[in-house]
C-alpha atoms as a PDB file:
ATOM      1  CA  UNK A   1      84.194  95.901  84.536  1.00  0.00           C
ATOM      2  CA  UNK A   2      85.357  92.406  83.713  1.00  0.00           C
ATOM      3  CA  UNK A   3      85.530  90.351  86.893  1.00  0.00           C
ATOM      4  CA  UNK A   4      87.593  87.217  86.267  1.00  0.00           C
ATOM      5  CA  UNK A   5      91.015  88.928  86.256  1.00  0.00           C
ATOM      6  CA  UNK A   6      92.511  91.473  88.657  1.00  0.00           C
ATOM      7  CA  UNK A   7      95.703  93.337  87.853  1.00  0.00           C
ATOM      8  CA  UNK A   8      97.659  94.797  90.748  1.00  0.00           C
ATOM      9  CA  UNK A   9     100.818  96.560  91.769  1.00  0.00           C
ATOM     10  CA  UNK A  10     102.482  96.875  95.133  1.00  0.00           C
ATOM     11  CA  UNK A  11     103.565 100.487  95.680  1.00  0.00           C
ATOM     12  CA  UNK A  12     106.056 101.848  98.187  1.00  0.00           C
ATOM     13  CA  UNK A  13     106.920 105.528  98.040  1.00  0.00           C
ATOM     14  CA  UNK A  14     106.662 105.570  94.240  1.00  0.00           C
ATOM     15  CA  UNK A  15     103.256 107.048  93.431  1.00  0.00           C
ATOM     16  CA  UNK A  16     104.667 109.449  90.835  1.00  0.00           C
ATOM     17  CA  UNK A  17     105.711 106.364  88.897  1.00  0.00           C
ATOM     18  CA  UNK A  18     102.244 104.821  89.299  1.00  0.00           C
ATOM     19  CA  UNK A  19     100.569 107.814  87.699  1.00  0.00           C
ATOM     20  CA  UNK A  20     103.417 108.611  85.298  1.00  0.00           C
ATOM     21  CA  UNK A  21     104.426 105.174  84.016  1.00  0.00           C
ATOM     22  CA  UNK A  22     102.068 102.405  85.047  1.00  0.00           C
ATOM     23  CA  UNK A  23      98.877 104.090  83.877  1.00  0.00           C
ATOM     24  CA  UNK A  24     100.524 104.958  80.555  1.00  0.00           C
ATOM     25  CA  UNK A  25     101.970 101.499  79.878  1.00  0.00           C
ATOM     26  CA  UNK A  26      99.414  99.011  81.182  1.00  0.00           C
ATOM     27  CA  UNK A  27      96.161  98.793  79.250  1.00  0.00           C
ATOM     28  CA  UNK A  28      93.890  97.007  81.712  1.00  0.00           C
ATOM     29  CA  UNK A  29      91.367  96.292  78.937  1.00  0.00           C
ATOM     30  CA  UNK A  30      88.545  96.912  81.392  1.00  0.00           C
ATOM     31  CA  UNK A  31      89.799  94.486  84.023  1.00  0.00           C
ATOM     32  CA  UNK A  32      90.030  95.761  87.582  1.00  0.00           C
ATOM     33  CA  UNK A  33      93.305  97.322  88.704  1.00  0.00           C
ATOM     34  CA  UNK A  34      94.173  97.406  92.426  1.00  0.00           C
ATOM     35  CA  UNK A  35      97.017  99.107  94.276  1.00  0.00           C
ATOM     36  CA  UNK A  36      98.454  97.562  97.454  1.00  0.00           C
ATOM     37  CA  UNK A  37     100.452 100.089  99.457  1.00  0.00           C
ATOM     38  CA  UNK A  38     103.580  98.539 100.953  1.00  0.00           C
ATOM     39  CA  UNK A  39     104.012 100.727 104.039  1.00  0.00           C
ATOM     40  CA  UNK A  40     104.770 104.017 102.251  1.00  0.00           C
ATOM     41  CA  UNK A  41     105.532 107.214 104.107  1.00  0.00           C
ATOM     42  CA  UNK A  42     102.556 109.215 105.363  1.00  0.00           C
ATOM     43  CA  UNK A  43     102.935 111.786 102.573  1.00  0.00           C
ATOM     44  CA  UNK A  44     103.136 109.090  99.873  1.00  0.00           C
ATOM     45  CA  UNK A  45     100.109 107.242 101.303  1.00  0.00           C
ATOM     46  CA  UNK A  46      98.122 110.466 101.044  1.00  0.00           C
ATOM     47  CA  UNK A  47      99.283 110.945  97.443  1.00  0.00           C
ATOM     48  CA  UNK A  48      98.560 107.301  96.598  1.00  0.00           C
ATOM     49  CA  UNK A  49      95.058 107.389  98.036  1.00  0.00           C
ATOM     50  CA  UNK A  50      94.269 110.501  95.982  1.00  0.00           C
ATOM     51  CA  UNK A  51      95.665 108.992  92.772  1.00  0.00           C
ATOM     52  CA  UNK A  52      93.639 105.826  93.345  1.00  0.00           C
ATOM     53  CA  UNK A  53      90.497 107.802  94.143  1.00  0.00           C
ATOM     54  CA  UNK A  54      90.916 109.933  91.016  1.00  0.00           C
ATOM     55  CA  UNK A  55      91.313 106.795  88.881  1.00  0.00           C
ATOM     56  CA  UNK A  56      88.620 104.654  90.560  1.00  0.00           C
ATOM     57  CA  UNK A  57      91.215 102.180  91.853  1.00  0.00           C
ATOM     58  CA  UNK A  58      90.984 100.221  95.091  1.00  0.00           C
ATOM     59  CA  UNK A  59      93.740 101.261  97.529  1.00  0.00           C
ATOM     60  CA  UNK A  60      94.660  98.513  99.982  1.00  0.00           C
ATOM     61  CA  UNK A  61      97.115  98.817 102.849  1.00  0.00           C
ATOM     62  CA  UNK A  62      99.463  95.855 102.984  1.00  0.00           C
ATOM     63  CA  UNK A  63      99.125  93.788 106.162  1.00  0.00           C
ATOM     64  CA  UNK A  64     102.911  93.554 106.414  1.00  0.00           C
ATOM     65  CA  UNK A  65     105.745  94.339 103.969  1.00  0.00           C
ATOM     66  CA  UNK A  66     106.905  92.848 100.706  1.00  0.00           C
ATOM     67  CA  UNK A  67     105.337  91.634  97.497  1.00  0.00           C
ATOM     68  CA  UNK A  68     104.541  88.224  99.014  1.00  0.00           C
ATOM     69  CA  UNK A  69     102.463  89.873 101.731  1.00  0.00           C
ATOM     70  CA  UNK A  70     100.916  92.277  99.195  1.00  0.00           C
ATOM     71  CA  UNK A  71      99.753  89.240  97.260  1.00  0.00           C
ATOM     72  CA  UNK A  72      98.261  87.743 100.430  1.00  0.00           C
ATOM     73  CA  UNK A  73      96.574  91.062 101.264  1.00  0.00           C
ATOM     74  CA  UNK A  74      95.078  91.089  97.770  1.00  0.00           C
ATOM     75  CA  UNK A  75      93.986  87.434  97.949  1.00  0.00           C
ATOM     76  CA  UNK A  76      92.233  88.089 101.262  1.00  0.00           C
ATOM     77  CA  UNK A  77      90.471  91.112  99.708  1.00  0.00           C
ATOM     78  CA  UNK A  78      89.453  89.052  96.663  1.00  0.00           C
ATOM     79  CA  UNK A  79      88.104  86.216  98.797  1.00  0.00           C
ATOM     80  CA  UNK A  80      85.920  88.688 100.688  1.00  0.00           C
ATOM     81  CA  UNK A  81      84.939  91.012  97.842  1.00  0.00           C
ATOM     82  CA  UNK A  82      85.547  89.558  94.354  1.00  0.00           C
ATOM     83  CA  UNK A  83      84.401  85.917  94.368  1.00  0.00           C
ATOM     84  CA  UNK A  84      84.368  85.682  90.549  1.00  0.00           C
ATOM     85  CA  UNK A  85      88.079  86.479  90.210  1.00  0.00           C
ATOM     86  CA  UNK A  86      90.024  83.546  88.753  1.00  0.00           C
ATOM     87  CA  UNK A  87      93.406  85.146  87.960  1.00  0.00           C
ATOM     88  CA  UNK A  88      95.581  87.848  89.479  1.00  0.00           C
ATOM     89  CA  UNK A  89      98.451  89.518  87.652  1.00  0.00           C
ATOM     90  CA  UNK A  90     101.162  91.275  89.625  1.00  0.00           C
ATOM     91  CA  UNK A  91     103.130  93.941  87.814  1.00  0.00           C
ATOM     92  CA  UNK A  92     106.042  95.990  89.054  1.00  0.00           C
ATOM     93  CA  UNK A  93     106.086  99.679  88.167  1.00  0.00           C
ATOM     94  CA  UNK A  94     108.651  99.117  85.430  1.00  0.00           C
ATOM     95  CA  UNK A  95     107.246  95.901  83.913  1.00  0.00           C
ATOM     96  CA  UNK A  96     104.508  95.970  81.326  1.00  0.00           C
ATOM     97  CA  UNK A  97     102.444  93.474  79.292  1.00  0.00           C
ATOM     98  CA  UNK A  98     104.411  92.146  76.334  1.00  0.00           C
ATOM     99  CA  UNK A  99     101.604  92.273  73.774  1.00  0.00           C
ATOM    100  CA  UNK A 100      98.561  94.314  72.967  1.00  0.00           C
ATOM    101  CA  UNK A 101      95.403  92.803  74.498  1.00  0.00           C
ATOM    102  CA  UNK A 102      97.612  90.765  76.818  1.00  0.00           C
ATOM    103  CA  UNK A 103      94.888  90.085  79.381  1.00  0.00           C
ATOM    104  CA  UNK A 104      92.227  89.108  76.847  1.00  0.00           C
END
């Protein structure tokens, strides 16, 4: 896995879209992809954790709510666990890279 870029989404009660849209439309090119859960319902958290486990994706629980806090939660995780990361890319579930090999 390439370690200088991390791609992430913040998910809240939309895990069907993560598995049905995001995984189909974002080619991570081998860069790490992380999901930050934004205080989803208990049932959605369970679904999200399973989807992330099945796809070898880190599942983080947001420290508070909102994309700004999801970014901070991710930055704290990176500082503790991914010291070689230089860039983070935040995507929403309905936004995708504009070109092939976007991250490269």
